[in-house]
N, C-alpha and C. Protein backbone atom coordinates (compact mmCIF):
# COMPACT_ATOMS: atom_id res chain seq x y z
N UNK A 1 26.85 25.15 -23.03
CA UNK A 1 25.72 26.10 -22.81
C UNK A 1 24.47 25.44 -22.24
N UNK A 2 23.91 26.16 -21.13
CA UNK A 2 22.76 25.61 -20.49
C UNK A 2 21.45 26.31 -20.80
N UNK A 3 20.32 25.69 -20.77
CA UNK A 3 19.02 26.29 -20.77
C UNK A 3 18.26 25.74 -19.46
N UNK A 4 17.31 26.60 -19.20
CA UNK A 4 16.57 26.29 -18.02
C UNK A 4 15.21 26.75 -18.05
N UNK A 5 14.29 26.10 -17.30
CA UNK A 5 13.06 26.61 -17.19
C UNK A 5 12.66 26.84 -15.56
N UNK A 6 11.95 27.60 -15.30
CA UNK A 6 11.67 27.90 -13.73
C UNK A 6 10.03 27.43 -13.82
N UNK A 7 9.78 26.73 -12.63
CA UNK A 7 8.36 26.38 -12.41
C UNK A 7 8.26 26.91 -10.79
N UNK A 8 7.09 27.48 -10.68
CA UNK A 8 6.66 27.85 -9.35
C UNK A 8 5.62 26.84 -8.75
N UNK A 9 5.97 26.14 -8.01
CA UNK A 9 5.07 24.98 -7.34
C UNK A 9 4.89 24.95 -5.87
N UNK A 10 3.69 24.49 -5.72
CA UNK A 10 3.33 24.07 -4.29
C UNK A 10 2.58 25.19 -3.61
N UNK A 11 2.02 24.87 -2.29
CA UNK A 11 1.32 25.87 -1.42
C UNK A 11 2.33 27.00 -1.10
N UNK A 12 3.62 26.91 -1.02
CA UNK A 12 4.50 27.95 -0.71
C UNK A 12 5.19 28.47 -1.74
N UNK A 13 4.58 28.16 -3.02
CA UNK A 13 5.09 28.73 -4.29
C UNK A 13 6.77 28.77 -4.41
N UNK A 14 7.10 27.59 -4.30
CA UNK A 14 8.55 27.25 -4.39
C UNK A 14 9.14 27.50 -5.80
N UNK A 15 10.13 28.03 -6.04
CA UNK A 15 10.80 28.08 -7.43
C UNK A 15 11.66 26.69 -7.48
N UNK A 16 11.44 26.11 -8.63
CA UNK A 16 12.12 24.86 -9.05
C UNK A 16 12.70 25.07 -10.36
N UNK A 17 13.76 24.43 -10.62
CA UNK A 17 14.60 24.84 -12.11
C UNK A 17 14.73 23.49 -12.61
N UNK A 18 14.48 23.42 -13.90
CA UNK A 18 14.81 22.21 -14.69
C UNK A 18 15.95 22.90 -15.59
N UNK A 19 17.17 22.31 -15.61
CA UNK A 19 18.34 22.87 -16.19
C UNK A 19 18.79 21.80 -16.90
N UNK A 20 19.14 22.08 -18.40
CA UNK A 20 19.65 21.09 -19.02
C UNK A 20 20.81 21.68 -20.05
N UNK A 21 21.71 20.71 -20.34
CA UNK A 21 22.93 20.94 -21.38
C UNK A 21 22.29 20.83 -22.62
N UNK A 22 22.52 22.01 -23.59
CA UNK A 22 21.95 22.01 -24.89
C UNK A 22 22.39 21.12 -25.71
N UNK A 23 23.59 20.61 -25.72
CA UNK A 23 24.26 19.85 -26.74
C UNK A 23 23.80 18.32 -26.32
N UNK A 24 23.77 18.06 -25.06
CA UNK A 24 23.54 16.51 -24.72
C UNK A 24 22.04 16.16 -24.40
N UNK A 25 21.45 17.14 -23.87
CA UNK A 25 20.05 17.06 -23.27
C UNK A 25 20.10 16.38 -21.96
N UNK A 26 21.32 16.36 -21.40
CA UNK A 26 21.48 15.92 -19.96
C UNK A 26 20.96 16.99 -19.10
N UNK A 27 20.17 16.78 -17.91
CA UNK A 27 19.60 17.53 -17.25
C UNK A 27 19.74 17.33 -15.73
N UNK A 28 19.53 18.46 -14.87
CA UNK A 28 19.29 18.31 -13.48
C UNK A 28 18.11 19.02 -13.16
N UNK A 29 17.54 18.63 -11.97
CA UNK A 29 16.50 19.51 -11.48
C UNK A 29 16.96 20.12 -10.07
N UNK A 30 16.60 21.25 -9.84
CA UNK A 30 17.04 21.93 -8.62
C UNK A 30 15.87 22.25 -7.90
N UNK A 31 15.88 21.90 -6.68
CA UNK A 31 14.66 22.03 -5.83
C UNK A 31 13.36 21.63 -6.36
N UNK A 32 13.14 20.33 -6.35
CA UNK A 32 11.79 19.76 -7.02
C UNK A 32 10.56 20.05 -6.40
N UNK A 33 10.39 20.98 -5.36
CA UNK A 33 9.26 21.42 -4.83
C UNK A 33 8.38 20.17 -4.49
N UNK A 34 7.15 20.23 -4.86
CA UNK A 34 6.31 19.25 -4.31
C UNK A 34 5.52 18.38 -5.42
N UNK A 35 5.96 18.42 -6.59
CA UNK A 35 5.19 17.99 -7.60
C UNK A 35 6.22 17.06 -8.71
N UNK A 36 6.77 16.05 -8.17
CA UNK A 36 7.76 15.22 -8.93
C UNK A 36 7.16 14.56 -10.11
N UNK A 37 5.83 14.42 -10.14
CA UNK A 37 5.16 13.66 -11.24
C UNK A 37 5.01 14.72 -12.38
N UNK A 38 4.53 15.96 -11.97
CA UNK A 38 4.57 17.09 -13.01
C UNK A 38 5.90 17.30 -13.76
N UNK A 39 7.10 17.29 -12.93
CA UNK A 39 8.35 17.59 -13.35
C UNK A 39 8.85 16.33 -14.16
N UNK A 40 8.44 15.09 -13.72
CA UNK A 40 8.84 13.93 -14.75
C UNK A 40 8.26 14.14 -16.14
N UNK A 41 7.01 14.52 -16.11
CA UNK A 41 6.21 14.89 -17.31
C UNK A 41 7.15 15.84 -18.17
N UNK A 42 7.56 16.88 -17.66
CA UNK A 42 8.20 18.05 -18.24
C UNK A 42 9.45 17.44 -18.77
N UNK A 43 10.21 16.66 -17.93
CA UNK A 43 11.55 16.07 -18.31
C UNK A 43 11.21 15.22 -19.67
N UNK A 44 10.21 14.33 -19.59
CA UNK A 44 9.89 13.50 -20.73
C UNK A 44 9.35 14.24 -22.01
N UNK A 45 8.71 15.16 -21.71
CA UNK A 45 8.11 16.03 -22.98
C UNK A 45 9.28 16.57 -23.64
N UNK A 46 10.31 17.15 -22.84
CA UNK A 46 11.39 17.80 -23.57
C UNK A 46 12.47 16.97 -23.99
N UNK A 47 12.25 15.56 -23.77
CA UNK A 47 13.12 14.56 -24.16
C UNK A 47 14.57 14.72 -23.63
N UNK A 48 14.58 15.17 -22.23
CA UNK A 48 15.78 15.28 -21.61
C UNK A 48 16.16 13.92 -20.68
N UNK A 49 17.49 13.91 -20.47
CA UNK A 49 18.02 12.83 -19.62
C UNK A 49 18.29 13.17 -18.26
N UNK A 50 17.59 13.13 -17.22
CA UNK A 50 17.77 13.38 -15.91
C UNK A 50 18.99 12.71 -15.30
N UNK A 51 19.93 13.59 -14.85
CA UNK A 51 21.15 12.95 -14.16
C UNK A 51 21.22 13.17 -12.70
N UNK A 52 20.64 14.22 -12.18
CA UNK A 52 20.80 14.49 -10.55
C UNK A 52 19.47 15.26 -10.28
N UNK A 53 19.13 15.09 -9.08
CA UNK A 53 18.05 15.84 -8.21
C UNK A 53 19.00 16.65 -7.27
N UNK A 54 19.09 18.10 -7.37
CA UNK A 54 19.83 18.78 -6.66
C UNK A 54 19.18 19.70 -5.66
N UNK A 55 19.50 19.79 -4.35
CA UNK A 55 18.80 20.67 -3.38
C UNK A 55 19.77 21.60 -2.97
N UNK A 56 19.20 22.95 -2.96
CA UNK A 56 19.87 24.11 -2.35
C UNK A 56 19.88 24.13 -0.74
N UNK A 57 18.88 23.36 -0.32
CA UNK A 57 18.92 23.19 1.08
C UNK A 57 17.84 22.15 1.38
N UNK A 58 17.72 21.95 2.71
CA UNK A 58 16.75 20.78 3.21
C UNK A 58 15.31 21.06 3.52
N UNK A 59 14.84 22.10 3.15
CA UNK A 59 13.48 22.42 3.46
C UNK A 59 12.48 21.71 2.73
N UNK A 60 11.41 21.18 3.34
CA UNK A 60 10.37 20.32 2.87
C UNK A 60 9.83 21.02 1.64
N UNK A 61 9.48 22.22 1.53
CA UNK A 61 8.80 22.80 0.37
C UNK A 61 9.76 22.86 -0.90
N UNK A 62 10.99 22.48 -0.82
CA UNK A 62 11.77 22.40 -1.82
C UNK A 62 12.22 20.92 -2.22
N UNK A 63 11.64 20.06 -1.43
CA UNK A 63 12.03 18.54 -1.67
C UNK A 63 10.96 17.50 -1.65
N UNK A 64 9.81 17.97 -1.58
CA UNK A 64 8.85 16.73 -1.41
C UNK A 64 8.58 16.15 -2.63
N UNK A 65 8.93 16.72 -3.86
CA UNK A 65 8.95 16.06 -5.21
C UNK A 65 10.17 15.16 -5.43
N UNK A 66 11.13 15.22 -4.65
CA UNK A 66 12.43 14.45 -4.93
C UNK A 66 12.17 13.00 -4.92
N UNK A 67 11.38 12.42 -4.02
CA UNK A 67 11.21 10.96 -4.07
C UNK A 67 10.57 10.48 -5.34
N UNK A 68 9.64 11.10 -5.76
CA UNK A 68 8.97 10.68 -7.13
C UNK A 68 10.08 10.76 -8.20
N UNK A 69 10.83 11.75 -8.35
CA UNK A 69 11.75 11.69 -9.43
C UNK A 69 12.82 10.61 -9.19
N UNK A 70 13.14 10.41 -7.87
CA UNK A 70 14.20 9.49 -7.53
C UNK A 70 13.70 8.05 -8.18
N UNK A 71 12.35 7.68 -7.71
CA UNK A 71 11.80 6.63 -8.11
C UNK A 71 11.46 6.42 -9.63
N UNK A 72 11.05 7.56 -10.30
CA UNK A 72 11.00 7.44 -11.77
C UNK A 72 12.15 7.31 -12.61
N UNK A 73 13.14 8.07 -12.22
CA UNK A 73 14.42 8.06 -13.21
C UNK A 73 15.54 7.44 -12.39
N UNK A 74 15.50 6.94 -11.20
CA UNK A 74 16.66 6.21 -10.55
C UNK A 74 17.97 7.07 -10.59
N UNK A 75 17.86 8.32 -10.38
CA UNK A 75 19.26 9.25 -10.32
C UNK A 75 19.52 9.56 -8.87
N UNK A 76 20.68 9.96 -8.78
CA UNK A 76 21.16 10.56 -7.32
C UNK A 76 20.59 11.77 -6.80
N UNK A 77 20.40 11.94 -5.58
CA UNK A 77 19.89 13.02 -4.93
C UNK A 77 21.01 13.66 -4.28
N UNK A 78 21.06 14.80 -4.53
CA UNK A 78 22.42 15.56 -3.93
C UNK A 78 21.90 16.70 -3.03
N UNK A 79 22.63 16.65 -1.82
CA UNK A 79 22.13 17.59 -0.86
C UNK A 79 23.26 17.73 0.40
N UNK A 80 23.32 18.74 1.02
CA UNK A 80 24.50 18.96 2.05
C UNK A 80 23.83 18.00 3.09
N UNK A 81 24.98 17.10 3.81
CA UNK A 81 24.79 16.35 4.97
C UNK A 81 24.55 17.25 6.09
N UNK A 82 24.75 18.53 6.10
CA UNK A 82 24.65 19.40 7.17
C UNK A 82 23.01 19.73 7.46
N UNK A 83 22.25 19.28 6.31
CA UNK A 83 20.72 19.35 6.41
C UNK A 83 20.13 18.16 6.59
N UNK A 84 20.81 17.17 6.87
CA UNK A 84 20.03 15.72 7.22
C UNK A 84 19.02 15.77 8.16
N UNK A 85 19.33 16.58 9.29
CA UNK A 85 18.13 16.83 10.21
C UNK A 85 16.81 17.26 9.72
N UNK A 86 16.95 18.06 8.68
CA UNK A 86 15.78 18.49 8.07
C UNK A 86 15.04 17.59 7.25
N UNK A 87 15.84 16.72 6.44
CA UNK A 87 15.29 15.66 5.83
C UNK A 87 14.49 14.49 6.83
N UNK A 88 15.13 14.32 7.82
CA UNK A 88 14.60 13.41 8.78
C UNK A 88 13.21 13.84 9.40
N UNK A 89 12.97 14.99 9.49
CA UNK A 89 11.67 15.58 10.08
C UNK A 89 10.82 16.29 9.01
N UNK A 90 11.16 16.01 7.72
CA UNK A 90 10.54 16.71 6.61
C UNK A 90 8.92 16.67 6.71
N UNK A 91 8.50 15.29 7.00
CA UNK A 91 7.01 15.07 7.06
C UNK A 91 6.24 15.95 7.97
N UNK A 92 6.92 15.84 9.30
CA UNK A 92 6.26 16.57 10.33
C UNK A 92 6.18 18.03 10.25
N UNK A 93 7.42 18.61 9.61
CA UNK A 93 7.64 20.12 9.33
C UNK A 93 6.57 20.52 8.21
N UNK A 94 6.36 19.74 7.16
CA UNK A 94 5.53 19.85 6.12
C UNK A 94 3.98 19.93 6.65
N UNK A 95 3.67 18.93 7.56
CA UNK A 95 2.31 18.96 8.14
C UNK A 95 2.00 20.13 8.94
N UNK A 96 2.97 20.63 9.73
CA UNK A 96 2.88 21.79 10.52
C UNK A 96 2.69 23.09 9.71
N UNK A 97 3.63 23.24 8.84
CA UNK A 97 3.53 24.60 8.03
C UNK A 97 2.43 24.57 7.04
N UNK A 98 1.97 23.41 6.66
CA UNK A 98 0.74 23.47 5.55
C UNK A 98 -0.52 23.29 6.23
N UNK A 99 -0.63 23.08 7.53
CA UNK A 99 -1.75 22.88 8.49
C UNK A 99 -2.53 21.92 7.78
N UNK A 100 -2.09 20.67 7.20
CA UNK A 100 -2.62 19.59 6.66
C UNK A 100 -1.74 18.46 6.74
N UNK A 101 -2.27 17.18 6.42
CA UNK A 101 -1.65 16.11 6.53
C UNK A 101 -0.91 15.89 5.05
N UNK A 102 0.43 15.68 4.86
CA UNK A 102 1.11 15.56 3.61
C UNK A 102 1.18 13.95 3.61
N UNK A 103 0.69 13.38 2.66
CA UNK A 103 0.86 11.95 2.53
C UNK A 103 2.07 11.49 1.76
N UNK A 104 2.61 12.34 1.08
CA UNK A 104 3.78 11.92 0.11
C UNK A 104 5.04 11.40 1.07
N UNK A 105 5.73 10.29 0.58
CA UNK A 105 6.70 9.82 1.33
C UNK A 105 7.92 10.84 1.21
N UNK A 106 8.81 10.87 2.06
CA UNK A 106 10.00 11.98 1.93
C UNK A 106 11.21 11.14 1.64
N UNK A 107 12.16 11.90 0.94
CA UNK A 107 13.47 11.29 0.68
C UNK A 107 14.28 11.33 2.05
N UNK A 108 14.87 10.26 2.34
CA UNK A 108 15.65 10.12 3.68
C UNK A 108 17.09 9.82 3.44
N UNK A 109 17.59 9.74 2.18
CA UNK A 109 18.95 9.52 2.08
C UNK A 109 19.67 10.51 1.02
N UNK A 110 20.89 10.71 1.36
CA UNK A 110 21.65 11.68 0.26
C UNK A 110 22.51 10.75 -0.44
N UNK A 111 22.68 10.67 -1.64
CA UNK A 111 23.37 9.97 -2.49
C UNK A 111 24.86 10.75 -2.68
N UNK A 112 24.71 12.13 -2.84
CA UNK A 112 25.90 12.79 -3.16
C UNK A 112 25.76 14.10 -2.11
N UNK A 113 26.89 13.96 -1.11
CA UNK A 113 26.88 15.01 -0.30
C UNK A 113 27.53 16.23 -0.82
N UNK A 114 26.86 17.36 -0.93
CA UNK A 114 27.43 18.65 -1.45
C UNK A 114 28.34 19.27 -0.63
N UNK A 115 28.80 18.68 0.60
CA UNK A 115 29.87 19.10 1.41
C UNK A 115 31.16 18.56 0.83
N UNK A 116 31.09 17.53 0.00
CA UNK A 116 32.21 16.71 -0.34
C UNK A 116 32.61 16.84 -1.86
N UNK A 117 31.80 17.80 -2.41
CA UNK A 117 32.14 18.02 -4.05
C UNK A 117 32.18 19.63 -4.17
N UNK A 118 32.68 20.04 -5.19
CA UNK A 118 32.44 21.58 -5.51
C UNK A 118 31.95 21.67 -6.99
N UNK A 119 31.52 20.71 -7.54
CA UNK A 119 31.00 20.79 -8.87
C UNK A 119 30.00 19.70 -9.28
N UNK A 120 29.00 19.80 -9.99
CA UNK A 120 28.03 18.80 -10.39
C UNK A 120 28.21 18.90 -12.00
N UNK A 121 28.56 17.77 -12.66
CA UNK A 121 28.64 17.72 -14.06
C UNK A 121 27.60 16.96 -14.71
N UNK A 122 27.05 17.47 -15.78
CA UNK A 122 25.91 16.77 -16.50
C UNK A 122 26.11 17.28 -18.04
N UNK A 123 26.31 16.18 -18.94
CA UNK A 123 26.59 16.39 -20.23
C UNK A 123 27.88 17.17 -20.46
N UNK A 124 27.70 18.17 -21.13
CA UNK A 124 29.10 18.99 -21.41
C UNK A 124 29.22 20.21 -20.50
N UNK A 125 28.02 20.29 -19.57
CA UNK A 125 27.94 21.34 -18.61
C UNK A 125 28.35 20.93 -17.22
N UNK A 126 28.43 22.09 -16.38
CA UNK A 126 28.58 21.86 -15.10
C UNK A 126 28.10 22.93 -14.30
N UNK A 127 27.80 22.74 -12.91
CA UNK A 127 27.42 23.87 -12.05
C UNK A 127 28.38 23.82 -10.78
N UNK A 128 28.99 25.12 -10.52
CA UNK A 128 29.95 25.09 -9.48
C UNK A 128 29.09 25.20 -8.24
N UNK A 129 29.44 24.72 -7.19
CA UNK A 129 28.94 24.82 -5.72
C UNK A 129 29.38 26.00 -5.20
N UNK A 130 28.53 26.68 -4.56
CA UNK A 130 28.89 27.82 -3.68
C UNK A 130 28.28 27.68 -2.08
N UNK A 131 28.97 27.31 -1.16
CA UNK A 131 28.53 27.09 0.18
C UNK A 131 27.87 28.33 0.56
N UNK A 132 26.57 28.28 1.10
CA UNK A 132 25.99 29.48 1.47
C UNK A 132 25.09 29.22 2.76
N UNK A 133 25.74 28.83 3.69
CA UNK A 133 24.98 28.53 5.06
C UNK A 133 24.37 29.84 5.50
N UNK A 134 23.32 29.59 6.36
CA UNK A 134 22.61 30.87 6.85
C UNK A 134 21.01 30.62 6.89
N UNK A 135 20.42 30.44 5.60
CA UNK A 135 18.97 29.88 5.90
C UNK A 135 18.81 28.57 6.44
N UNK A 136 19.85 27.76 6.04
CA UNK A 136 20.02 26.49 6.60
C UNK A 136 21.45 26.17 6.75
N UNK A 137 21.94 25.33 7.74
CA UNK A 137 23.41 25.15 7.82
C UNK A 137 24.00 24.49 6.71
N UNK A 138 23.22 23.83 5.80
CA UNK A 138 23.83 23.30 4.58
C UNK A 138 23.37 23.94 3.16
N UNK A 139 23.02 25.17 3.32
CA UNK A 139 22.59 25.82 2.06
C UNK A 139 23.69 25.99 1.20
N UNK A 140 23.38 25.88 -0.21
CA UNK A 140 24.29 25.99 -1.23
C UNK A 140 23.57 26.60 -2.39
N UNK A 141 24.38 27.17 -3.22
CA UNK A 141 23.97 27.97 -4.56
C UNK A 141 24.74 27.10 -5.58
N UNK A 142 24.03 27.08 -6.73
CA UNK A 142 24.83 26.40 -8.00
C UNK A 142 24.96 27.48 -8.90
N UNK A 143 26.19 27.51 -9.48
CA UNK A 143 26.60 28.60 -10.25
C UNK A 143 27.11 28.07 -11.70
N UNK A 144 26.49 28.72 -12.83
CA UNK A 144 27.03 28.21 -14.08
C UNK A 144 27.91 29.56 -14.48
N UNK A 145 29.36 29.43 -14.54
CA UNK A 145 30.02 30.52 -14.89
C UNK A 145 29.98 30.87 -16.55
N UNK A 146 29.92 29.69 -17.16
CA UNK A 146 29.67 29.82 -18.76
C UNK A 146 28.44 30.63 -19.03
N UNK A 147 27.43 30.52 -18.31
CA UNK A 147 26.20 31.13 -18.64
C UNK A 147 25.88 32.19 -17.63
N UNK A 148 26.88 32.42 -16.81
CA UNK A 148 26.57 33.54 -15.71
C UNK A 148 25.24 33.38 -15.03
N UNK A 149 24.90 32.41 -14.63
CA UNK A 149 23.63 32.12 -13.92
C UNK A 149 23.67 31.54 -12.52
N UNK A 150 23.15 32.04 -11.60
CA UNK A 150 23.10 31.46 -10.16
C UNK A 150 21.72 31.13 -9.69
N UNK A 151 21.79 29.80 -9.43
CA UNK A 151 20.48 29.19 -8.70
C UNK A 151 20.84 29.27 -7.17
N UNK A 152 20.07 30.25 -6.50
CA UNK A 152 20.27 30.34 -5.07
C UNK A 152 19.49 29.84 -4.11
N UNK A 153 18.29 29.18 -4.54
CA UNK A 153 17.34 28.57 -3.41
C UNK A 153 16.67 29.61 -2.75
N UNK A 154 16.76 29.60 -1.34
CA UNK A 154 16.33 30.66 -0.56
C UNK A 154 17.27 31.46 0.19
N UNK A 155 18.48 31.52 -0.48
CA UNK A 155 19.56 32.42 0.00
C UNK A 155 19.11 33.85 -0.20
N UNK A 156 18.36 34.17 -1.34
CA UNK A 156 17.94 35.50 -1.59
C UNK A 156 16.28 35.24 -1.84
N UNK A 157 15.54 36.18 -0.91
CA UNK A 157 14.13 36.10 -1.20
C UNK A 157 13.76 37.47 -1.77
N UNK A 158 12.91 37.25 -2.94
CA UNK A 158 12.47 38.45 -3.68
C UNK A 158 11.47 39.21 -2.79
N UNK A 159 11.58 40.55 -2.94
CA UNK A 159 10.87 41.41 -1.94
C UNK A 159 10.94 41.28 -0.31
N UNK A 160 12.14 40.78 0.01
CA UNK A 160 12.23 40.65 1.38
C UNK A 160 13.12 41.80 1.94
N UNK A 161 13.21 41.91 3.12
CA UNK A 161 14.06 42.96 3.97
C UNK A 161 15.18 42.31 4.70
C-alpha cells in the first residue's frame, strides 16, 4: 500500500508527488518541479528513503528540482529517452517561459530509460508505466493498481478544453 502527498510548486504551479510504500518507507518523487531542497526536507522530515526521481515528461517546470534531489540522495533519475531533447534545452526553455534567468543547473542524463521498462519498484510497492505520448513524445503515466491511483503529469489538465 502506498501513501502520497501532493505539492504545487514553482511559477507554473506544477504538481509534484512524493509517493511512499507504507511498510518500508521507500519513496519516489514524481515530477520534482523546481524546489528539490524543499522536497529533500520533506523526505527527511517524513523519514523516507528516496529510491527514484521519476519524470512524467521532460518539460523544465517538472524537472528543475531533479538535480538537487539527485545530488542530495544519489538516486537514479528515470525519464523517457524520447524526451532527451527537452532535457538538453531545459535551461533555455525555462528562461524563455519564465521571462527571467534561471540559475539552477539542469539534469542532463537519464539513469533509467522509461522506454525500456514497464514498472518501477520501491519497497513492497510498484508503479506500472503507461506510455502516454502527446504532450511530449516521451510522456508517461504511473499507475498503482493496488491503490487505484494514476499520476498523469500533464497528460490531463484541470479545467482545460
